[in-house]
Amino acid sequence: MTAAHLSLTPCTPDLGTLEQQMLGAHSYQEWLTLAEQHDQCSGAHQWRQTAETSLYDYREIQYRYDKLKQYLNSNASSELLYALNEGVHGNMAGMGKPVLYHQSKSGTKFLIEDYVNSIAAALEYIHRCPESEISAPDKSDFFRRASHCYGRSALLLSGGAGLVYFHHGMVQELIDHNLLPHVISGSSAGAIVAAQLGTLTDAELKSGYFLKKRYQEPLQTRILDILRGRIDDPAAKAARERFLDEIVPRDLTFQQAYEKTGRYINISISPAERHQSSRLMNAISSPHVYVRSALSASIGIPGLMPAERLYARGIDGKPRPYLETRRWLDGSLSSDLPAKRMARLYGVNHFIVSLINPMVLPFIDDIKSRDHRGLLSVFSESSVRVIGELLVVLERVLATRGRQGRALAGQLAYLVAMLGQNYLGDINILLPTSAFRWRNALFEFRSGEIEQMIQTGRRSTWPKMAMIRNAALISQTLDRILEELQQEGLHVQKNRHMLSV
């Protein structure tokens, strides 16, 4: 039966009713069941079953899938290893294109899902293969090369103040489905979530932590009161410390956080001085810096809070200033989503973005999920460029108008830098404009609105789950196998040492 015939088949309930039910789903499984029903009614299920489409090279994927399946079924380990050596790539023959996940509600072509699963199964088979067939050095060499070539995913969490609860829902979905990347960055509000991901155990996170977590200090010391000048700098500083107490321990460094959780967290901070560069704080570039210190700087909103000095654990174990003459503030101003730095540091080549930044959301259009660019995306990009150019001119004028003018010019410079950044990754989970309220960004919530924001984060993640899973499965399999090989190697070395004693 063709997709055209399927679309004429009566469907109960109709597509509109199913879409409304999907919007009201309370769990991913409930949403997925409705999405699959929608695909059956719309004909998209037939699209998923049929390999052919002009959106990717289905012939190449079918050929490689058949070959892997043949070698797996016949236990041909050498041929399987040779086939895998030909290339383990997430976008082989274009199969990783976001547009391939926009044709159906519940996923992409079944051939793509089968191929990804077959690669993971082949990797497991090679790992379990006896040394008489594939030696341990050959295995180790192959898996290291495969991991380097395939790369891995990273999660980028933008700034957005009180809209942080959207991140809560999004991140909890990844945690619950074992899809949370080990490399995470956050700026401002995103840094609040990243810091907790880097300092809490898997057991704590899997207990529904981010669904239950609420921040109390912003309800006591309101951002609006700081904006109106009702709270002086010392009181604002004390409030920030109480807020930080709700998020992260005082004395945990980035290196210690990594050793505790195995997650590489990265916190963006911006320089208080105009002609300095932003920094990305993590266990590689700044292992001894306290996570809390970097977080305190990253949530420092210019004009509301004084710029922060960083602190690190000294060789005597006591806190000492880090880059003593420099001061830092809100990371979203100059490096909200530091994809290039993450790629260089961790070999990341795939980015999941959770975007809540209210200053840029109106200009962002997720064009990657379509097979062509619309007029809206072209208009949005042009608008950002024009606004940025106008602000640059205004900044130069204000800079000549005395002390107050220079202060305003400094604020405009930050806004220009923010608008000039790239806010899209490979998979983009954006706060819907229909769910956005400016008072929520200021931590002003009415009854039930925090829960609604968390649920919006979860629901916005569900349509992307199939794509995240397919992107993550191979890299997670490679990472786990490499870790097991390392442990096996250490065990062998220990036994040899014991025998030689």
Protein backbone atom coordinates (compact mmCIF):
# COMPACT_ATOMS: atom_id res chain seq x y z
CA MET A 1 0.00 0.00 0.00
CA THR A 2 1.39 3.42 -0.92
CA ALA A 3 1.72 6.43 1.36
CA ALA A 4 -1.01 8.12 -0.72
CA HIS A 5 -3.42 5.26 -0.02
CA LEU A 6 -2.54 5.38 3.67
CA SER A 7 -3.28 9.08 3.85
CA LEU A 8 -6.83 8.41 2.56
CA THR A 9 -7.48 5.71 5.16
CA PRO A 10 -9.84 6.94 7.90
CA CYS A 11 -7.99 7.54 11.15
CA THR A 12 -9.54 7.63 14.59
CA PRO A 13 -8.71 9.91 16.28
CA ASP A 14 -7.76 12.32 13.47
CA LEU A 15 -4.29 13.84 13.05
CA GLY A 16 -5.23 17.11 14.74
CA THR A 17 -6.56 15.31 17.80
CA LEU A 18 -3.44 13.13 17.97
CA GLU A 19 -1.21 16.21 17.81
CA GLN A 20 -3.13 17.80 20.68
CA GLN A 21 -2.77 14.60 22.69
CA MET A 22 0.97 14.56 21.98
CA LEU A 23 1.25 18.12 23.31
CA GLY A 24 -0.44 16.96 26.52
CA ALA A 25 1.55 13.74 26.98
CA HIS A 26 3.03 13.22 30.45
CA SER A 27 5.87 10.84 29.53
CA TYR A 28 8.07 10.02 26.56
CA GLN A 29 6.54 6.55 26.22
CA GLU A 30 3.03 8.04 26.08
CA TRP A 31 4.21 10.61 23.54
CA LEU A 32 5.97 7.95 21.42
CA THR A 33 2.88 5.74 21.30
CA LEU A 34 0.84 8.70 20.03
CA ALA A 35 3.61 9.66 17.58
CA GLU A 36 3.66 6.15 16.11
CA GLN A 37 -0.13 6.23 15.79
CA HIS A 38 0.16 9.60 14.04
CA ASP A 39 2.72 8.10 11.61
CA GLN A 40 0.38 5.22 10.83
CA CYS A 41 -2.44 7.64 10.06
CA SER A 42 -0.39 10.15 8.06
CA GLY A 43 1.53 7.61 5.97
CA ALA A 44 4.86 8.52 7.59
CA HIS A 45 5.23 4.95 8.86
CA GLN A 46 5.33 3.80 5.24
CA TRP A 47 8.00 6.44 4.59
CA ARG A 48 10.06 4.99 7.44
CA GLN A 49 9.71 1.46 6.08
CA THR A 50 10.84 2.45 2.57
CA ALA A 51 14.60 2.94 2.32
CA GLU A 52 14.45 5.05 -0.83
CA THR A 53 14.63 8.84 -0.64
CA SER A 54 16.73 11.58 -2.20
CA LEU A 55 17.69 12.88 1.26
CA TYR A 56 20.58 10.39 1.71
CA ASP A 57 22.48 7.67 -0.19
CA TYR A 58 20.23 4.79 0.83
CA ARG A 59 21.98 2.37 -1.55
CA GLU A 60 25.31 2.79 0.27
CA ILE A 61 23.71 2.34 3.69
CA GLN A 62 21.77 -0.73 2.53
CA TYR A 63 24.96 -2.26 1.07
CA ARG A 64 26.97 -1.69 4.23
CA TYR A 65 24.14 -2.90 6.47
CA ASP A 66 23.75 -6.13 4.48
CA LYS A 67 27.50 -6.72 4.67
CA LEU A 68 27.67 -6.21 8.44
CA LYS A 69 24.66 -8.46 8.98
CA GLN A 70 26.21 -11.18 6.80
CA TYR A 71 29.53 -11.11 8.67
CA LEU A 72 27.81 -11.07 12.06
CA ASN A 73 25.61 -14.04 11.17
CA SER A 74 28.57 -16.05 9.87
CA ASN A 75 30.93 -15.06 12.75
CA ALA A 76 33.43 -13.74 10.20
CA SER A 77 35.45 -11.67 12.65
CA SER A 78 38.29 -10.69 10.30
CA GLU A 79 35.91 -9.59 7.55
CA LEU A 80 33.81 -7.72 10.10
CA LEU A 81 36.86 -5.89 11.42
CA TYR A 82 37.89 -5.01 7.85
CA ALA A 83 34.40 -3.68 7.08
CA LEU A 84 34.41 -1.55 10.23
CA ASN A 85 37.88 -0.23 9.35
CA GLU A 86 36.40 1.13 6.13
CA GLY A 87 34.73 3.76 8.25
CA VAL A 88 32.55 4.27 11.32
CA HIS A 89 30.93 7.64 10.72
CA GLY A 90 27.80 9.24 12.16
CA ASN A 91 26.94 10.92 8.88
CA MET A 92 27.85 8.07 6.52
CA ALA A 93 26.15 8.69 3.16
CA GLY A 94 24.28 11.65 4.69
CA MET A 95 22.29 9.49 7.12
CA GLY A 96 22.83 11.96 9.98
CA LYS A 97 21.01 14.87 8.35
CA PRO A 98 18.47 16.46 10.72
CA VAL A 99 15.94 16.70 7.87
CA LEU A 100 15.70 12.88 7.89
CA TYR A 101 14.14 13.13 11.36
CA HIS A 102 11.59 15.74 10.30
CA GLN A 103 9.55 13.57 7.95
CA SER A 104 8.03 11.42 10.69
CA LYS A 105 6.95 12.06 14.28
CA SER A 106 8.55 8.97 15.81
CA GLY A 107 11.93 8.64 14.09
CA THR A 108 13.74 8.25 10.79
CA LYS A 109 14.17 5.52 8.19
CA PHE A 110 14.16 2.05 9.76
CA LEU A 111 17.19 1.26 7.56
CA ILE A 112 19.20 3.99 9.30
CA GLU A 113 18.20 2.74 12.76
CA ASP A 114 19.02 -0.86 11.76
CA TYR A 115 22.40 0.20 10.39
CA VAL A 116 23.33 2.11 13.55
CA ASN A 117 22.28 -0.87 15.70
CA SER A 118 24.31 -3.23 13.50
CA ILE A 119 27.45 -1.11 13.93
CA ALA A 120 27.01 -1.17 17.71
CA ALA A 121 26.49 -4.96 17.60
CA ALA A 122 29.58 -5.38 15.40
CA LEU A 123 31.68 -3.33 17.83
CA GLU A 124 30.49 -5.52 20.70
CA TYR A 125 31.29 -8.64 18.69
CA ILE A 126 34.86 -7.48 17.96
CA HIS A 127 35.34 -6.65 21.63
CA ARG A 128 34.22 -10.13 22.75
CA CYS A 129 36.18 -11.91 20.00
CA PRO A 130 38.82 -14.35 21.38
CA GLU A 131 42.46 -13.34 21.01
CA SER A 132 43.03 -16.34 18.75
CA GLU A 133 41.00 -14.46 16.14
CA ILE A 134 41.84 -10.81 16.91
CA SER A 135 44.73 -9.96 19.21
CA ALA A 136 44.38 -7.58 22.14
CA PRO A 137 46.77 -4.99 20.59
CA ASP A 138 44.80 -5.06 17.32
CA LYS A 139 41.55 -4.57 19.24
CA SER A 140 42.95 -1.71 21.26
CA ASP A 141 44.38 -0.03 18.15
CA PHE A 142 41.10 -0.38 16.25
CA PHE A 143 38.85 0.96 19.01
CA ARG A 144 41.11 3.95 19.66
CA ARG A 145 41.15 4.85 15.98
CA ALA A 146 37.40 4.29 15.65
CA SER A 147 36.69 6.51 18.65
CA HIS A 148 38.96 9.24 17.31
CA CYS A 149 37.35 9.12 13.85
CA TYR A 150 33.75 8.89 15.06
CA GLY A 151 34.04 11.59 17.70
CA ARG A 152 31.40 12.19 20.34
CA SER A 153 28.50 14.41 21.30
CA ALA A 154 28.50 17.35 23.68
CA LEU A 155 25.62 19.11 25.40
CA LEU A 156 25.61 22.93 25.27
CA LEU A 157 23.34 24.76 27.73
CA SER A 158 22.72 28.46 27.08
CA GLY A 159 22.14 31.27 29.52
CA GLY A 160 18.62 32.48 30.34
CA ALA A 161 18.33 33.21 34.10
CA GLY A 162 15.00 31.93 35.49
CA LEU A 163 14.25 30.03 32.30
CA VAL A 164 16.79 27.52 33.66
CA TYR A 165 13.88 25.21 34.52
CA PHE A 166 13.52 24.42 30.79
CA HIS A 167 17.06 22.98 30.99
CA HIS A 168 15.90 20.93 34.00
CA GLY A 169 13.25 19.09 31.99
CA MET A 170 15.46 18.63 28.95
CA VAL A 171 18.44 17.28 30.90
CA GLN A 172 16.32 14.95 33.05
CA GLU A 173 14.98 13.27 29.89
CA LEU A 174 18.53 12.60 28.69
CA ILE A 175 19.48 11.25 32.11
CA ASP A 176 16.45 8.97 32.32
CA HIS A 177 17.20 7.46 28.89
CA ASN A 178 20.98 7.14 29.46
CA LEU A 179 21.67 9.67 26.71
CA LEU A 180 23.44 12.41 28.68
CA PRO A 181 26.80 13.20 26.99
CA HIS A 182 29.92 13.09 29.16
CA VAL A 183 31.02 16.48 27.79
CA ILE A 184 28.81 19.39 28.88
CA SER A 185 29.13 23.16 28.73
CA GLY A 186 27.04 25.85 30.35
CA SER A 187 27.01 29.60 30.64
CA SER A 188 25.06 31.65 33.16
CA ALA A 189 21.83 29.65 33.76
CA GLY A 190 23.32 26.79 31.73
CA ALA A 191 26.34 26.82 34.05
CA ILE A 192 23.99 26.31 37.02
CA VAL A 193 22.82 23.02 35.48
CA ALA A 194 26.30 22.02 34.22
CA ALA A 195 27.78 22.50 37.70
CA GLN A 196 25.20 20.15 39.21
CA LEU A 197 25.72 17.58 36.44
CA GLY A 198 29.43 17.64 37.21
CA THR A 199 29.13 17.28 40.97
CA LEU A 200 26.23 14.86 41.51
CA THR A 201 26.40 11.09 41.13
CA ASP A 202 24.44 9.09 38.56
CA ALA A 203 22.24 7.69 41.33
CA GLU A 204 21.36 11.20 42.53
CA LEU A 205 20.56 12.40 39.00
CA LYS A 206 18.48 9.33 38.11
CA SER A 207 16.24 9.89 41.12
CA GLY A 208 14.41 12.64 39.22
CA TYR A 209 16.73 15.28 40.69
CA PHE A 210 16.06 18.03 38.13
CA LEU A 211 12.30 17.49 38.23
CA LYS A 212 12.31 18.18 41.96
CA LYS A 213 15.06 20.81 42.26
CA ARG A 214 13.88 24.34 43.11
CA TYR A 215 16.01 27.44 43.78
CA GLN A 216 14.88 29.29 46.88
CA GLU A 217 17.19 32.32 47.07
CA PRO A 218 15.85 34.06 43.89
CA LEU A 219 12.42 33.98 45.53
CA GLN A 220 13.81 35.73 48.61
CA THR A 221 16.12 38.25 46.90
CA ARG A 222 14.28 39.27 43.74
CA ILE A 223 16.17 40.27 40.59
CA LEU A 224 13.58 43.02 40.09
CA ASP A 225 14.57 44.55 43.44
CA ILE A 226 18.23 44.53 42.39
CA LEU A 227 17.28 46.15 39.05
CA ARG A 228 15.35 48.88 40.87
CA GLY A 229 18.31 49.64 43.16
CA ARG A 230 16.55 48.46 46.32
CA ILE A 231 19.44 46.10 47.18
CA ASP A 232 23.02 47.33 47.50
CA ASP A 233 26.14 45.48 46.30
CA PRO A 234 27.03 43.79 49.64
CA ALA A 235 23.48 42.44 50.02
CA ALA A 236 23.47 41.25 46.38
CA LYS A 237 26.83 39.54 46.95
CA ALA A 238 25.50 37.78 50.07
CA ALA A 239 22.43 36.66 48.14
CA ARG A 240 24.62 35.24 45.39
CA GLU A 241 26.57 33.21 47.94
CA ARG A 242 23.36 31.80 49.40
CA PHE A 243 22.22 30.93 45.87
CA LEU A 244 25.52 29.16 45.16
CA ASP A 245 25.09 27.16 48.38
CA GLU A 246 21.99 25.62 46.78
CA ILE A 247 23.94 24.47 43.73
CA VAL A 248 27.52 23.35 44.33
CA PRO A 249 29.97 22.70 47.22
CA ARG A 250 32.46 25.41 48.10
CA ASP A 251 35.68 23.41 47.82
CA LEU A 252 35.28 21.14 44.76
CA THR A 253 37.69 21.76 41.88
CA PHE A 254 37.04 20.91 38.24
CA GLN A 255 39.51 18.02 38.48
CA GLN A 256 37.81 16.62 41.57
CA ALA A 257 34.40 16.98 39.92
CA TYR A 258 35.61 14.93 36.94
CA GLU A 259 37.07 12.25 39.21
CA LYS A 260 33.76 12.03 41.07
CA THR A 261 31.38 11.83 38.10
CA GLY A 262 33.43 11.06 34.96
CA ARG A 263 31.78 14.06 33.28
CA TYR A 264 33.75 16.91 31.74
CA ILE A 265 31.85 20.06 32.67
CA ASN A 266 32.79 23.40 31.14
CA ILE A 267 31.72 26.81 32.39
CA SER A 268 31.95 29.90 30.19
CA ILE A 269 33.01 33.21 31.69
CA SER A 270 33.35 36.62 30.05
CA PRO A 271 36.01 39.23 30.85
CA ALA A 272 34.99 42.40 32.64
CA GLU A 273 37.55 44.27 30.50
CA ARG A 274 36.45 44.97 26.94
CA HIS A 275 39.68 43.97 25.19
CA GLN A 276 40.22 40.63 26.94
CA SER A 277 39.08 37.17 25.81
CA SER A 278 36.45 34.88 27.30
CA ARG A 279 37.51 31.69 29.05
CA LEU A 280 36.19 28.13 29.23
CA MET A 281 36.85 26.67 32.67
CA ASN A 282 37.21 22.88 32.93
CA ALA A 283 39.34 20.01 34.24
CA ILE A 284 41.74 20.28 31.28
CA SER A 285 42.51 23.99 31.09
CA SER A 286 41.90 24.93 34.74
CA PRO A 287 41.85 21.73 36.86
CA HIS A 288 42.50 23.45 40.20
CA VAL A 289 39.90 26.22 39.85
CA TYR A 290 36.87 25.78 42.10
CA VAL A 291 33.68 24.97 40.20
CA ARG A 292 31.80 27.31 42.51
CA SER A 293 34.15 30.20 41.71
CA ALA A 294 33.69 29.80 37.94
CA LEU A 295 29.92 29.45 38.40
CA SER A 296 29.79 32.60 40.53
CA ALA A 297 31.46 34.54 37.71
CA SER A 298 29.29 33.00 34.98
CA ILE A 299 26.02 34.06 36.65
CA GLY A 300 27.27 37.61 37.29
CA ILE A 301 24.94 39.85 35.29
CA PRO A 302 26.74 43.09 34.31
CA GLY A 303 25.13 46.15 35.80
CA LEU A 304 23.47 44.10 38.54
CA MET A 305 26.39 42.34 40.20
CA PRO A 306 30.07 43.23 40.54
CA ALA A 307 32.54 41.26 38.42
CA GLU A 308 34.09 38.26 40.15
CA ARG A 309 37.65 37.14 40.87
CA LEU A 310 38.39 33.44 40.33
CA TYR A 311 39.83 31.21 43.03
CA ALA A 312 41.72 27.92 42.79
CA ARG A 313 43.14 25.34 45.19
CA GLY A 314 46.80 26.16 45.84
CA ILE A 315 49.66 23.70 46.32
CA ASP A 316 49.08 24.00 50.08
CA GLY A 317 45.42 23.00 49.61
CA LYS A 318 44.16 26.47 50.46
CA PRO A 319 42.22 28.86 48.16
CA ARG A 320 44.25 31.42 46.25
CA PRO A 321 43.39 33.95 43.51
CA TYR A 322 43.53 32.66 39.93
CA LEU A 323 44.56 35.25 37.31
CA GLU A 324 44.65 37.71 40.18
CA THR A 325 44.35 40.95 38.20
CA ARG A 326 41.39 39.86 36.11
CA ARG A 327 37.66 40.00 36.82
CA TRP A 328 34.89 37.97 35.19
CA LEU A 329 31.15 37.94 34.65
CA ASP A 330 28.23 36.39 32.72
CA GLY A 331 29.52 33.71 30.35
CA SER A 332 26.64 34.07 27.90
CA LEU A 333 27.80 37.55 26.89
CA SER A 334 30.74 36.39 24.77
CA SER A 335 30.70 32.58 24.74
CA ASP A 336 27.19 31.23 25.32
CA LEU A 337 27.73 28.06 23.26
CA PRO A 338 31.51 27.49 22.88
CA ALA A 339 31.37 24.76 20.22
CA LYS A 340 34.77 25.45 18.61
CA ARG A 341 36.63 25.29 21.91
CA MET A 342 34.82 22.11 22.89
CA ALA A 343 35.75 20.50 19.56
CA ARG A 344 39.41 21.35 20.08
CA LEU A 345 39.55 20.18 23.70
CA TYR A 346 37.54 16.94 23.52
CA GLY A 347 37.37 15.83 19.89
CA VAL A 348 33.65 16.64 19.90
CA ASN A 349 32.05 16.79 16.46
CA HIS A 350 28.35 16.65 17.33
CA PHE A 351 26.47 19.19 19.43
CA ILE A 352 23.13 19.05 21.24
CA VAL A 353 21.96 22.58 22.09
CA SER A 354 19.39 23.57 24.70
CA LEU A 355 18.63 27.23 24.02
CA ILE A 356 16.74 29.51 26.42
CA ASN A 357 18.56 32.83 25.91
CA PRO A 358 15.69 35.37 25.67
CA MET A 359 17.86 37.95 23.90
CA VAL A 360 18.38 35.74 20.83
CA LEU A 361 15.43 33.31 20.72
CA PRO A 362 13.31 35.66 18.56
CA PHE A 363 16.03 35.60 15.88
CA ILE A 364 16.76 31.86 15.85
CA ASP A 365 15.27 29.56 13.24
CA ASP A 366 16.24 25.87 13.33
CA ILE A 367 16.78 25.54 9.57
CA LYS A 368 18.72 22.26 9.90
CA SER A 369 15.52 20.30 10.34
CA ARG A 370 14.34 21.32 6.85
CA ASP A 371 15.63 20.43 3.41
CA HIS A 372 15.70 24.07 2.32
CA ARG A 373 16.01 27.50 3.91
CA GLY A 374 12.88 29.58 4.13
CA LEU A 375 12.47 33.34 3.86
CA LEU A 376 12.03 33.55 7.64
CA SER A 377 15.53 32.26 8.32
CA VAL A 378 17.07 34.64 5.77
CA PHE A 379 15.08 37.54 7.26
CA SER A 380 16.11 36.56 10.82
CA GLU A 381 19.81 36.47 9.94
CA SER A 382 19.56 39.80 8.10
CA SER A 383 17.74 41.33 11.07
CA VAL A 384 20.46 40.24 13.47
CA ARG A 385 23.17 41.72 11.24
CA VAL A 386 21.34 45.03 10.85
CA ILE A 387 20.60 45.30 14.58
CA GLY A 388 24.21 44.45 15.38
CA GLU A 389 25.52 47.13 13.00
CA LEU A 390 23.16 49.76 14.45
CA LEU A 391 24.21 48.89 17.99
CA VAL A 392 27.90 49.21 17.05
CA VAL A 393 27.25 52.74 15.73
CA LEU A 394 25.25 53.64 18.85
CA GLU A 395 28.00 52.21 21.07
CA ARG A 396 30.61 54.46 19.42
CA VAL A 397 28.43 57.53 19.88
CA LEU A 398 27.72 56.78 23.54
CA ALA A 399 31.41 56.15 24.25
CA THR A 400 32.05 59.87 23.65
CA ARG A 401 29.29 61.08 26.02
CA GLY A 402 30.94 61.03 29.39
CA ARG A 403 30.96 58.47 32.18
CA GLN A 404 27.31 57.44 31.92
CA GLY A 405 27.58 57.20 28.14
CA ARG A 406 30.64 54.97 28.40
CA ALA A 407 28.81 52.71 30.86
CA LEU A 408 25.89 52.35 28.44
CA ALA A 409 28.34 51.77 25.59
CA GLY A 410 29.85 48.91 27.58
CA GLN A 411 26.43 47.29 27.97
CA LEU A 412 25.76 47.65 24.24
CA ALA A 413 29.12 46.05 23.47
CA TYR A 414 28.02 42.96 25.39
CA LEU A 415 24.72 42.86 23.50
CA VAL A 416 26.55 43.15 20.16
CA ALA A 417 28.84 40.27 21.14
CA MET A 418 25.82 38.18 22.16
CA LEU A 419 23.97 38.75 18.88
CA GLY A 420 27.09 37.90 16.89
CA GLN A 421 27.39 34.36 18.29
CA ASN A 422 26.25 31.10 16.70
CA TYR A 423 23.37 29.50 18.60
CA LEU A 424 22.64 26.34 16.63
CA GLY A 425 24.16 22.88 16.87
CA ASP A 426 23.42 19.57 15.17
CA ILE A 427 20.39 18.90 17.37
CA ASN A 428 18.58 21.98 18.67
CA ILE A 429 16.07 22.01 21.50
CA LEU A 430 14.65 25.53 21.73
CA LEU A 431 12.34 27.05 24.28
CA PRO A 432 9.08 27.65 22.35
CA THR A 433 8.13 31.32 22.09
CA SER A 434 4.62 30.35 23.25
CA ALA A 435 6.10 29.22 26.58
CA PHE A 436 8.25 32.31 27.11
CA ARG A 437 7.41 35.03 29.64
CA TRP A 438 9.85 37.80 30.55
CA ARG A 439 8.90 37.65 34.23
CA ASN A 440 9.94 33.96 34.29
CA ALA A 441 13.41 35.03 33.09
CA LEU A 442 13.54 37.21 36.23
CA PHE A 443 12.62 34.23 38.46
CA GLU A 444 9.09 35.62 38.84
CA PHE A 445 6.81 32.55 38.76
CA ARG A 446 3.14 32.11 39.52
CA SER A 447 1.73 28.91 40.93
CA GLY A 448 2.44 25.94 38.67
CA GLU A 449 4.62 27.84 36.18
CA ILE A 450 7.90 26.21 37.24
CA GLU A 451 6.35 22.79 36.74
CA GLN A 452 5.05 23.92 33.33
CA MET A 453 8.51 25.13 32.32
CA ILE A 454 10.11 21.81 33.33
CA GLN A 455 7.45 19.88 31.43
CA THR A 456 8.00 22.10 28.38
CA GLY A 457 11.69 21.18 28.50
CA ARG A 458 10.79 17.50 28.57
CA ARG A 459 8.21 17.73 25.78
CA SER A 460 10.56 19.76 23.59
CA THR A 461 13.13 16.96 23.90
CA TRP A 462 10.85 14.06 22.91
CA PRO A 463 10.74 14.84 19.14
CA LYS A 464 14.57 14.82 19.15
CA MET A 465 15.05 11.60 21.11
CA ALA A 466 15.39 9.28 18.10
CA MET A 467 18.06 11.51 16.60
CA ILE A 468 19.94 11.84 19.90
CA ARG A 469 19.83 8.07 20.44
CA ASN A 470 21.16 7.26 16.95
CA ALA A 471 23.92 9.86 17.34
CA ALA A 472 24.91 8.64 20.80
CA LEU A 473 24.70 4.85 20.49
CA ILE A 474 27.95 4.27 18.62
CA SER A 475 30.06 6.78 20.59
CA GLN A 476 28.74 5.45 23.91
CA THR A 477 29.51 1.89 22.81
CA LEU A 478 33.04 2.89 21.81
CA ASP A 479 33.65 4.79 25.06
CA ARG A 480 32.44 1.88 27.19
CA ILE A 481 34.52 -0.68 25.30
CA LEU A 482 37.65 1.48 25.55
CA GLU A 483 37.09 1.84 29.30
CA GLU A 484 36.68 -1.94 29.66
CA LEU A 485 39.80 -2.57 27.58
CA GLN A 486 41.72 -0.17 29.81
CA GLN A 487 40.51 -1.97 32.93
CA GLU A 488 41.37 -5.34 31.39
CA GLY A 489 44.85 -4.05 30.57
CA LEU A 490 45.37 -2.82 34.12
CA HIS A 491 44.20 -6.19 35.45
CA VAL A 492 46.70 -8.06 33.24
CA GLN A 493 49.53 -5.75 34.33
CA LYS A 494 48.64 -6.28 37.98
CA ASN A 495 48.66 -10.07 37.59
CA ARG A 496 52.01 -9.99 35.82
CA HIS A 497 53.46 -7.85 38.58
CA MET A 498 52.19 -10.22 41.25
CA LEU A 499 53.69 -13.21 39.42
CA SER A 500 57.05 -11.50 39.12
CA VAL A 501 57.23 -10.67 42.82
